[in-house]
C-alpha atoms as a PDB file:
ATOM      1  CA  MET A   1      -0.561  16.459  14.827  1.00  0.00           C
ATOM      2  CA  LYS A   2      -1.229  13.494  17.136  1.00  0.00           C
ATOM      3  CA  ILE A   3      -2.275  11.306  14.221  1.00  0.00           C
ATOM      4  CA  ALA A   4       0.804  12.293  12.212  1.00  0.00           C
ATOM      5  CA  ARG A   5       3.117  11.249  15.059  1.00  0.00           C
ATOM      6  CA  GLY A   6       1.276   7.965  15.522  1.00  0.00           C
ATOM      7  CA  ARG A   7       1.457   7.253  11.799  1.00  0.00           C
ATOM      8  CA  ARG A   8       5.217   7.811  11.754  1.00  0.00           C
ATOM      9  CA  ILE A   9       5.552   5.280  14.548  1.00  0.00           C
ATOM     10  CA  GLY A  10       3.434   2.804  12.583  1.00  0.00           C
ATOM     11  CA  GLN A  11       5.470   3.339   9.425  1.00  0.00           C
ATOM     12  CA  SER A  12       8.709   2.896  11.367  1.00  0.00           C
ATOM     13  CA  PHE A  13       7.402  -0.379  12.773  1.00  0.00           C
ATOM     14  CA  GLY A  14       6.479  -1.498   9.258  1.00  0.00           C
ATOM     15  CA  MET A  15      10.028  -0.798   8.105  1.00  0.00           C
ATOM     16  CA  LEU A  16      11.412  -2.618  11.142  1.00  0.00           C
ATOM     17  CA  LEU A  17       9.250  -5.694  10.558  1.00  0.00           C
ATOM     18  CA  GLY A  18      10.142  -5.689   6.887  1.00  0.00           C
ATOM     19  CA  LEU A  19      13.873  -5.758   7.634  1.00  0.00           C
ATOM     20  CA  PHE A  20      13.809  -7.768  10.847  1.00  0.00           C
ATOM     21  CA  GLY A  21      15.705 -10.605   9.196  1.00  0.00           C
ATOM     22  CA  ALA A  22      18.852  -8.509   9.709  1.00  0.00           C
ATOM     23  CA  THR A  23      18.692  -9.624  13.360  1.00  0.00           C
ATOM     24  CA  GLY A  24      19.134 -13.259  12.344  1.00  0.00           C
ATOM     25  CA  ILE A  25      15.483 -14.267  12.621  1.00  0.00           C
ATOM     26  CA  GLY A  26      14.392 -16.604   9.831  1.00  0.00           C
ATOM     27  CA  MET A  27      11.240 -16.675   7.717  1.00  0.00           C
ATOM     28  CA  THR A  28       8.086 -16.561   9.862  1.00  0.00           C
ATOM     29  CA  HIS A  29       5.586 -17.482   7.109  1.00  0.00           C
ATOM     30  CA  LEU A  30       3.421 -14.552   8.173  1.00  0.00           C
ATOM     31  CA  ILE A  31       1.811 -12.579   5.366  1.00  0.00           C
ATOM     32  CA  PHE A  32       2.931  -8.960   5.383  1.00  0.00           C
ATOM     33  CA  PRO A  33      -0.006  -6.469   5.400  1.00  0.00           C
ATOM     34  CA  GLY A  34       1.452  -4.391   2.587  1.00  0.00           C
ATOM     35  CA  LEU A  35       3.749  -4.547  -0.425  1.00  0.00           C
ATOM     36  CA  HIS A  36       7.086  -5.900   0.798  1.00  0.00           C
ATOM     37  CA  CYS A  37       9.229  -8.233  -1.287  1.00  0.00           C
ATOM     38  CA  TYR A  38       9.795 -11.636   0.278  1.00  0.00           C
ATOM     39  CA  ALA A  39      12.962 -11.935  -1.836  1.00  0.00           C
ATOM     40  CA  CYS A  40      14.502  -9.142   0.228  1.00  0.00           C
ATOM     41  CA  PRO A  41      17.568 -10.648   1.989  1.00  0.00           C
ATOM     42  CA  TRP A  42      16.251  -9.360   5.335  1.00  0.00           C
ATOM     43  CA  ALA A  43      12.575 -10.303   4.895  1.00  0.00           C
ATOM     44  CA  ILE A  44      10.950 -12.566   7.474  1.00  0.00           C
ATOM     45  CA  THR A  45       7.417 -12.235   6.099  1.00  0.00           C
ATOM     46  CA  ILE A  46       5.669 -13.184   2.848  1.00  0.00           C
ATOM     47  CA  CYS A  47       4.485 -10.720   0.207  1.00  0.00           C
ATOM     48  CA  PRO A  48       0.720 -11.258  -0.259  1.00  0.00           C
ATOM     49  CA  ILE A  49       0.908 -10.562  -4.001  1.00  0.00           C
ATOM     50  CA  GLY A  50       3.898 -12.847  -4.498  1.00  0.00           C
ATOM     51  CA  LEU A  51       2.190 -15.610  -2.513  1.00  0.00           C
ATOM     52  CA  ALA A  52      -1.044 -15.233  -4.488  1.00  0.00           C
ATOM     53  CA  GLN A  53       0.874 -15.781  -7.724  1.00  0.00           C
ATOM     54  CA  ASN A  54       2.648 -18.853  -6.358  1.00  0.00           C
ATOM     55  CA  LEU A  55      -0.633 -20.339  -5.162  1.00  0.00           C
ATOM     56  CA  ILE A  56      -2.043 -19.946  -8.664  1.00  0.00           C
ATOM     57  CA  VAL A  57       1.078 -21.391 -10.293  1.00  0.00           C
ATOM     58  CA  PHE A  58       0.978 -24.497  -8.091  1.00  0.00           C
ATOM     59  CA  GLY A  59      -2.819 -24.794  -8.092  1.00  0.00           C
ATOM     60  CA  THR A  60      -3.094 -24.576  -4.315  1.00  0.00           C
ATOM     61  CA  VAL A  61      -6.376 -23.609  -2.640  1.00  0.00           C
ATOM     62  CA  PRO A  62      -5.567 -20.303  -0.863  1.00  0.00           C
ATOM     63  CA  TYR A  63      -7.324 -20.825   2.485  1.00  0.00           C
ATOM     64  CA  TYR A  64      -4.583 -19.192   4.565  1.00  0.00           C
ATOM     65  CA  TRP A  65      -4.104 -16.339   2.096  1.00  0.00           C
ATOM     66  CA  ILE A  66      -7.829 -15.536   1.972  1.00  0.00           C
ATOM     67  CA  ALA A  67      -8.127 -15.662   5.766  1.00  0.00           C
ATOM     68  CA  MET A  68      -5.232 -13.249   6.286  1.00  0.00           C
ATOM     69  CA  ILE A  69      -6.366 -10.804   3.583  1.00  0.00           C
ATOM     70  CA  VAL A  70      -9.873 -10.706   5.071  1.00  0.00           C
ATOM     71  CA  LEU A  71      -8.399 -10.243   8.558  1.00  0.00           C
ATOM     72  CA  TYR A  72      -6.206  -7.348   7.438  1.00  0.00           C
ATOM     73  CA  GLY A  73      -8.986  -5.846   5.344  1.00  0.00           C
ATOM     74  CA  LEU A  74     -11.546  -5.883   8.146  1.00  0.00           C
ATOM     75  CA  ALA A  75      -9.027  -4.539  10.649  1.00  0.00           C
ATOM     76  CA  ALA A  76      -7.942  -1.426   8.743  1.00  0.00           C
ATOM     77  CA  GLY A  77      -8.699  -1.612   5.024  1.00  0.00           C
ATOM     78  CA  ARG A  78      -6.259   0.661   3.233  1.00  0.00           C
ATOM     79  CA  GLY A  79      -5.104   1.983   6.582  1.00  0.00           C
ATOM     80  CA  PHE A  80      -2.152  -0.385   6.181  1.00  0.00           C
ATOM     81  CA  CYS A  81      -1.173   1.614   3.079  1.00  0.00           C
ATOM     82  CA  GLY A  82      -1.082   4.859   5.048  1.00  0.00           C
ATOM     83  CA  TRP A  83       0.243   3.579   8.363  1.00  0.00           C
ATOM     84  CA  PHE A  84       2.411   0.525   7.769  1.00  0.00           C
ATOM     85  CA  CYS A  85       3.498  -0.361   4.216  1.00  0.00           C
ATOM     86  CA  PRO A  86       7.232   0.387   3.609  1.00  0.00           C
ATOM     87  CA  PHE A  87       6.671   1.105  -0.066  1.00  0.00           C
ATOM     88  CA  GLY A  88       3.798   3.374   0.913  1.00  0.00           C
ATOM     89  CA  THR A  89       6.222   5.193   3.211  1.00  0.00           C
ATOM     90  CA  LEU A  90       8.523   5.776   0.237  1.00  0.00           C
ATOM     91  CA  ASN A  91       5.526   7.185  -1.641  1.00  0.00           C
ATOM     92  CA  ASP A  92       4.980   9.515   1.312  1.00  0.00           C
ATOM     93  CA  LEU A  93       8.560  10.769   1.314  1.00  0.00           C
ATOM     94  CA  LEU A  94       8.319  11.673  -2.373  1.00  0.00           C
ATOM     95  CA  SER A  95       4.840  13.241  -2.179  1.00  0.00           C
ATOM     96  CA  PHE A  96       5.858  16.732  -3.228  1.00  0.00           C
ATOM     97  CA  ARG A  97       2.954  17.454  -5.610  1.00  0.00           C
ATOM     98  CA  LYS A  98      -0.588  16.843  -4.385  1.00  0.00           C
ATOM     99  CA  VAL A  99      -2.637  16.369  -7.541  1.00  0.00           C
ATOM    100  CA  LYS A 100      -6.407  15.813  -7.512  1.00  0.00           C
ATOM    101  CA  ILE A 101      -7.280  12.238  -8.348  1.00  0.00           C
ATOM    102  CA  ARG A 102      -9.500  11.190 -11.243  1.00  0.00           C
ATOM    103  CA  ASP A 103     -11.629   8.498  -9.677  1.00  0.00           C
ATOM    104  CA  THR A 104     -12.185   6.601 -12.934  1.00  0.00           C
ATOM    105  CA  VAL A 105      -8.456   6.471 -13.717  1.00  0.00           C
ATOM    106  CA  SER A 106      -7.651   5.238 -10.213  1.00  0.00           C
ATOM    107  CA  TYR A 107      -9.491   1.979 -10.929  1.00  0.00           C
ATOM    108  CA  SER A 108      -6.387   1.042 -12.930  1.00  0.00           C
ATOM    109  CA  LYS A 109      -4.985  -0.639  -9.807  1.00  0.00           C
ATOM    110  CA  PHE A 110      -7.788  -3.222 -10.032  1.00  0.00           C
ATOM    111  CA  PHE A 111      -6.730  -3.999 -13.600  1.00  0.00           C
ATOM    112  CA  VAL A 112      -3.154  -4.433 -12.343  1.00  0.00           C
ATOM    113  CA  LEU A 113      -4.421  -6.863  -9.684  1.00  0.00           C
ATOM    114  CA  ILE A 114      -6.495  -8.856 -12.166  1.00  0.00           C
ATOM    115  CA  GLY A 115      -3.654  -8.809 -14.714  1.00  0.00           C
ATOM    116  CA  THR A 116      -1.212 -10.049 -12.063  1.00  0.00           C
ATOM    117  CA  LEU A 117      -3.379 -13.048 -11.206  1.00  0.00           C
ATOM    118  CA  LEU A 118      -4.177 -13.836 -14.840  1.00  0.00           C
ATOM    119  CA  ALA A 119      -0.503 -13.623 -15.844  1.00  0.00           C
ATOM    120  CA  ALA A 120       0.431 -16.089 -13.086  1.00  0.00           C
ATOM    121  CA  TRP A 121      -2.183 -18.525 -14.427  1.00  0.00           C
ATOM    122  CA  VAL A 122      -1.374 -18.086 -18.122  1.00  0.00           C
ATOM    123  CA  PHE A 123       2.428 -18.113 -17.836  1.00  0.00           C
ATOM    124  CA  THR A 124       2.661 -20.285 -14.671  1.00  0.00           C
ATOM    125  CA  ASP A 125       5.147 -17.795 -13.316  1.00  0.00           C
ATOM    126  CA  THR A 126       5.309 -14.859 -10.894  1.00  0.00           C
ATOM    127  CA  VAL A 127       5.317 -12.288 -13.679  1.00  0.00           C
ATOM    128  CA  PHE A 128       4.467  -9.303 -11.470  1.00  0.00           C
ATOM    129  CA  CYS A 129       7.458  -9.998  -9.213  1.00  0.00           C
ATOM    130  CA  LYS A 130       9.747  -9.576 -12.210  1.00  0.00           C
ATOM    131  CA  LEU A 131       8.433  -6.041 -12.687  1.00  0.00           C
ATOM    132  CA  CYS A 132       7.541  -4.961  -9.151  1.00  0.00           C
ATOM    133  CA  PRO A 133       9.411  -1.773  -8.121  1.00  0.00           C
ATOM    134  CA  ALA A 134       9.303  -2.833  -4.467  1.00  0.00           C
ATOM    135  CA  SER A 135      11.222  -5.949  -5.463  1.00  0.00           C
ATOM    136  CA  SER A 136      13.633  -3.765  -7.437  1.00  0.00           C
ATOM    137  CA  LEU A 137      14.401  -1.674  -4.365  1.00  0.00           C
ATOM    138  CA  GLU A 138      14.310  -4.362  -1.677  1.00  0.00           C
ATOM    139  CA  ALA A 139      15.831  -7.339  -3.506  1.00  0.00           C
ATOM    140  CA  SER A 140      17.554  -6.524  -6.812  1.00  0.00           C
ATOM    141  CA  ILE A 141      19.675  -3.633  -5.505  1.00  0.00           C
ATOM    142  CA  PRO A 142      20.700  -5.261  -2.178  1.00  0.00           C
ATOM    143  CA  TYR A 143      21.672  -8.500  -3.923  1.00  0.00           C
ATOM    144  CA  LEU A 144      23.753  -6.536  -6.428  1.00  0.00           C
ATOM    145  CA  PHE A 145      25.735  -4.902  -3.612  1.00  0.00           C
ATOM    146  CA  MET A 146      26.056  -8.271  -1.887  1.00  0.00           C
ATOM    147  CA  GLY A 147      27.652  -9.670  -5.051  1.00  0.00           C
ATOM    148  CA  ILE A 148      24.872 -12.211  -5.594  1.00  0.00           C
ATOM    149  CA  ALA A 149      23.031 -10.486  -8.443  1.00  0.00           C
ATOM    150  CA  ARG A 150      24.612  -9.060 -11.568  1.00  0.00           C
ATOM    151  CA  VAL A 151      23.635  -6.455 -14.108  1.00  0.00           C
ATOM    152  CA  ASN A 152      21.704  -8.382 -16.742  1.00  0.00           C
ATOM    153  CA  ARG A 153      18.437  -8.041 -18.608  1.00  0.00           C
ATOM    154  CA  PRO A 154      16.138  -8.926 -15.643  1.00  0.00           C
ATOM    155  CA  PHE A 155      18.048  -6.495 -13.418  1.00  0.00           C
ATOM    156  CA  LEU A 156      17.788  -3.696 -15.982  1.00  0.00           C
ATOM    157  CA  ILE A 157      14.039  -4.330 -16.342  1.00  0.00           C
ATOM    158  CA  HIS A 158      13.702  -3.961 -12.576  1.00  0.00           C
ATOM    159  CA  MET A 159      15.683  -0.731 -12.627  1.00  0.00           C
ATOM    160  CA  GLY A 160      13.491   0.586 -15.427  1.00  0.00           C
ATOM    161  CA  THR A 161      10.237  -0.080 -13.579  1.00  0.00           C
ATOM    162  CA  LEU A 162      11.704   1.376 -10.376  1.00  0.00           C
ATOM    163  CA  ALA A 163      12.886   4.530 -12.149  1.00  0.00           C
ATOM    164  CA  ALA A 164       9.518   5.028 -13.863  1.00  0.00           C
ATOM    165  CA  THR A 165       7.695   4.536 -10.559  1.00  0.00           C
ATOM    166  CA  LEU A 166       9.947   6.979  -8.694  1.00  0.00           C
ATOM    167  CA  VAL A 167       9.381   9.619 -11.366  1.00  0.00           C
ATOM    168  CA  GLY A 168       5.637   9.027 -11.066  1.00  0.00           C
ATOM    169  CA  MET A 169       5.841   9.430  -7.278  1.00  0.00           C
ATOM    170  CA  VAL A 170       7.614  12.769  -7.607  1.00  0.00           C
ATOM    171  CA  LEU A 171       5.145  14.099 -10.176  1.00  0.00           C
ATOM    172  CA  ILE A 172       2.001  12.790  -8.453  1.00  0.00           C
ATOM    173  CA  ALA A 173       1.754  12.233  -4.699  1.00  0.00           C
ATOM    174  CA  ARG A 174       1.216   8.566  -3.847  1.00  0.00           C
ATOM    175  CA  PHE A 175       1.362   7.685  -7.557  1.00  0.00           C
ATOM    176  CA  TRP A 176       1.940   3.963  -6.983  1.00  0.00           C
ATOM    177  CA  CYS A 177      -0.745   3.744  -4.292  1.00  0.00           C
ATOM    178  CA  ARG A 178      -3.296   5.575  -6.428  1.00  0.00           C
ATOM    179  CA  TYR A 179      -2.954   3.837  -9.738  1.00  0.00           C
ATOM    180  CA  LEU A 180      -0.843   0.681  -9.705  1.00  0.00           C
ATOM    181  CA  CYS A 181      -0.648  -1.127  -6.356  1.00  0.00           C
ATOM    182  CA  PRO A 182      -2.419  -4.527  -6.469  1.00  0.00           C
ATOM    183  CA  MET A 183      -2.240  -4.830  -2.676  1.00  0.00           C
ATOM    184  CA  GLY A 184      -3.909  -1.441  -2.357  1.00  0.00           C
ATOM    185  CA  ALA A 185      -6.643  -2.697  -4.686  1.00  0.00           C
ATOM    186  CA  LEU A 186      -7.186  -5.748  -2.475  1.00  0.00           C
ATOM    187  CA  LEU A 187      -7.365  -3.791   0.777  1.00  0.00           C
ATOM    188  CA  SER A 188      -9.613  -1.136  -0.766  1.00  0.00           C
ATOM    189  CA  LEU A 189     -12.363  -3.753  -1.134  1.00  0.00           C
ATOM    190  CA  PHE A 190     -12.726  -3.598   2.655  1.00  0.00           C
ATOM    191  CA  ASN A 191     -12.381   0.167   3.119  1.00  0.00           C
ATOM    192  CA  ARG A 192     -16.033   0.856   3.899  1.00  0.00           C
ATOM    193  CA  VAL A 193     -16.446  -2.072   6.287  1.00  0.00           C
ATOM    194  CA  SER A 194     -13.138  -2.023   8.164  1.00  0.00           C
ATOM    195  CA  PHE A 195     -12.901  -1.244  11.870  1.00  0.00           C
ATOM    196  CA  LEU A 196     -10.549   1.674  11.203  1.00  0.00           C
ATOM    197  CA  ARG A 197     -12.871   4.351   9.882  1.00  0.00           C
ATOM    198  CA  LEU A 198     -12.637   7.964   8.819  1.00  0.00           C
ATOM    199  CA  LYS A 199     -15.790   9.787   9.931  1.00  0.00           C
ATOM    200  CA  LEU A 200     -17.387  13.088   9.056  1.00  0.00           C
ATOM    201  CA  ASP A 201     -19.544  15.181  11.382  1.00  0.00           C
ATOM    202  CA  GLU A 202     -21.922  16.835   8.915  1.00  0.00           C
ATOM    203  CA  LYS A 203     -22.970  19.451  11.482  1.00  0.00           C
ATOM    204  CA  ARG A 204     -19.417  20.674  12.019  1.00  0.00           C
ATOM    205  CA  CYS A 205     -18.308  20.545   8.376  1.00  0.00           C
ATOM    206  CA  SER A 206     -18.427  23.895   6.555  1.00  0.00           C
ATOM    207  CA  ARG A 207     -17.419  22.398   3.152  1.00  0.00           C
ATOM    208  CA  CYS A 208     -14.349  24.650   3.143  1.00  0.00           C
ATOM    209  CA  ALA A 209     -12.365  21.814   1.499  1.00  0.00           C
ATOM    210  CA  ALA A 210      -9.274  22.505   3.619  1.00  0.00           C
ATOM    211  CA  CYS A 211      -9.001  18.733   4.061  1.00  0.00           C
ATOM    212  CA  THR A 212      -8.680  18.303   0.298  1.00  0.00           C
ATOM    213  CA  SER A 213      -5.425  20.248   0.153  1.00  0.00           C
ATOM    214  CA  ASP A 214      -3.971  18.026   2.896  1.00  0.00           C
ATOM    215  CA  CYS A 215      -4.922  14.704   1.275  1.00  0.00           C
ATOM    216  CA  PRO A 216      -1.918  12.946  -0.347  1.00  0.00           C
ATOM    217  CA  MET A 217      -4.278  10.751  -2.373  1.00  0.00           C
ATOM    218  CA  GLY A 218      -5.957  13.736  -4.043  1.00  0.00           C
ATOM    219  CA  ILE A 219      -9.499  12.936  -2.893  1.00  0.00           C
ATOM    220  CA  GLU A 220     -12.040  15.143  -1.105  1.00  0.00           C
ATOM    221  CA  PRO A 221     -12.293  13.646   2.398  1.00  0.00           C
ATOM    222  CA  HIS A 222     -15.412  15.636   3.290  1.00  0.00           C
ATOM    223  CA  THR A 223     -17.311  13.950   0.449  1.00  0.00           C
ATOM    224  CA  GLN A 224     -15.267  10.819  -0.287  1.00  0.00           C
ATOM    225  CA  HIS A 225     -14.181   9.580   3.140  1.00  0.00           C
ATOM    226  CA  ASP A 226     -13.605   5.822   3.183  1.00  0.00           C
ATOM    227  CA  ASN A 227     -13.868   5.394  -0.579  1.00  0.00           C
ATOM    228  CA  HIS A 228     -11.460   2.951  -2.228  1.00  0.00           C
ATOM    229  CA  ASN A 229      -8.703   5.554  -2.595  1.00  0.00           C
ATOM    230  CA  CYS A 230      -8.626   6.671   1.054  1.00  0.00           C
ATOM    231  CA  ILE A 231      -5.538   5.329   2.841  1.00  0.00           C
ATOM    232  CA  LYS A 232      -6.800   6.612   6.226  1.00  0.00           C
ATOM    233  CA  CYS A 233      -3.560   8.447   6.893  1.00  0.00           C
ATOM    234  CA  GLY A 234      -5.353  11.063   9.010  1.00  0.00           C
ATOM    235  CA  ARG A 235      -3.774  14.137   7.441  1.00  0.00           C
ATOM    236  CA  CYS A 236      -7.238  15.521   6.766  1.00  0.00           C
ATOM    237  CA  VAL A 237      -8.164  15.006  10.421  1.00  0.00           C
ATOM    238  CA  ASP A 238      -5.119  16.958  11.615  1.00  0.00           C
ATOM    239  CA  GLY A 239      -5.813  19.673   9.038  1.00  0.00           C
ATOM    240  CA  CYS A 240      -9.500  20.205   9.814  1.00  0.00           C
ATOM    241  CA  HIS A 241      -9.758  23.299  12.048  1.00  0.00           C
ATOM    242  CA  LEU A 242     -13.440  22.585  12.758  1.00  0.00           C
ATOM    243  CA  ASN A 243     -12.791  19.037  14.026  1.00  0.00           C
ATOM    244  CA  ALA A 244     -15.393  17.762  11.568  1.00  0.00           C
ATOM    245  CA  LEU A 245     -13.276  14.745  10.640  1.00  0.00           C
ATOM    246  CA  SER A 246     -12.231  12.036  13.042  1.00  0.00           C
ATOM    247  CA  MET A 247     -10.805   8.538  12.886  1.00  0.00           C
ATOM    248  CA  ASP A 248     -11.161   5.584  15.210  1.00  0.00           C
ATOM    249  CA  PHE A 249     -11.887   1.870  15.391  1.00  0.00           C
ATOM    250  CA  SER A 250     -15.632   1.373  15.037  1.00  0.00           C
ATOM    251  CA  LEU A 251     -18.305  -0.068  12.770  1.00  0.00           C
ATOM    252  CA  LYS A 252     -20.532   2.984  13.109  1.00  0.00           C
ATOM    253  CA  ASP A 253     -20.474   5.827  10.575  1.00  0.00           C
ATOM    254  CA  SER A 254     -21.498   8.586  12.934  1.00  0.00           C
ATOM    255  CA  PRO A 255     -18.820  10.229  15.073  1.00  0.00           C
END
């Protein structure tokens, strides 16, 4: 349970950083290592997906964006999804049904990423932001209660995408993270080479698959550890009674 406690602390810090503007601190121009809307009235960081679209719209070479994504990716890969991302935390809270993942279907998040970038280029607009459920929750709803936004067509579209996503989260654990998150797709490119690694001790593992029932992403950690769907949350490590799984910062595969 040590990993679980540490992850809750990390998720709490992610929420705190995401809403730190409530303290009066202004925009820091730091890229947030997860999906967090920069239109949120209390945001002090930049959404990496929103920034990517703006860079494409304005034709700016994304040196800073690339550097930060590579830095985050090499540090933890999708570990930010499991330990830090506020929208990932919401996925966690609604993860009532652990459904086995179909690996081929889960590549849909890469199509969402590619579609997001292409749409920004074709329409010269941040199209994904107008549909993003994180933006719906963190910007549209707060601004409505603040009297700045009003119920109109864009607002209703946001509410529709948020409602559909929430239903998906309830029916399938980590639904957004598995199938639709473009930031998750980006970070997953670094999963096998990041410093934060999930490791398997083949000698200890009995192939009992107990870790599979604990995995919120619906993968088989004893055979698929560190694949593109692993968010390195550590639930499988806590659930393995043989201590065959472990997680630490290293570039070596062996425990």
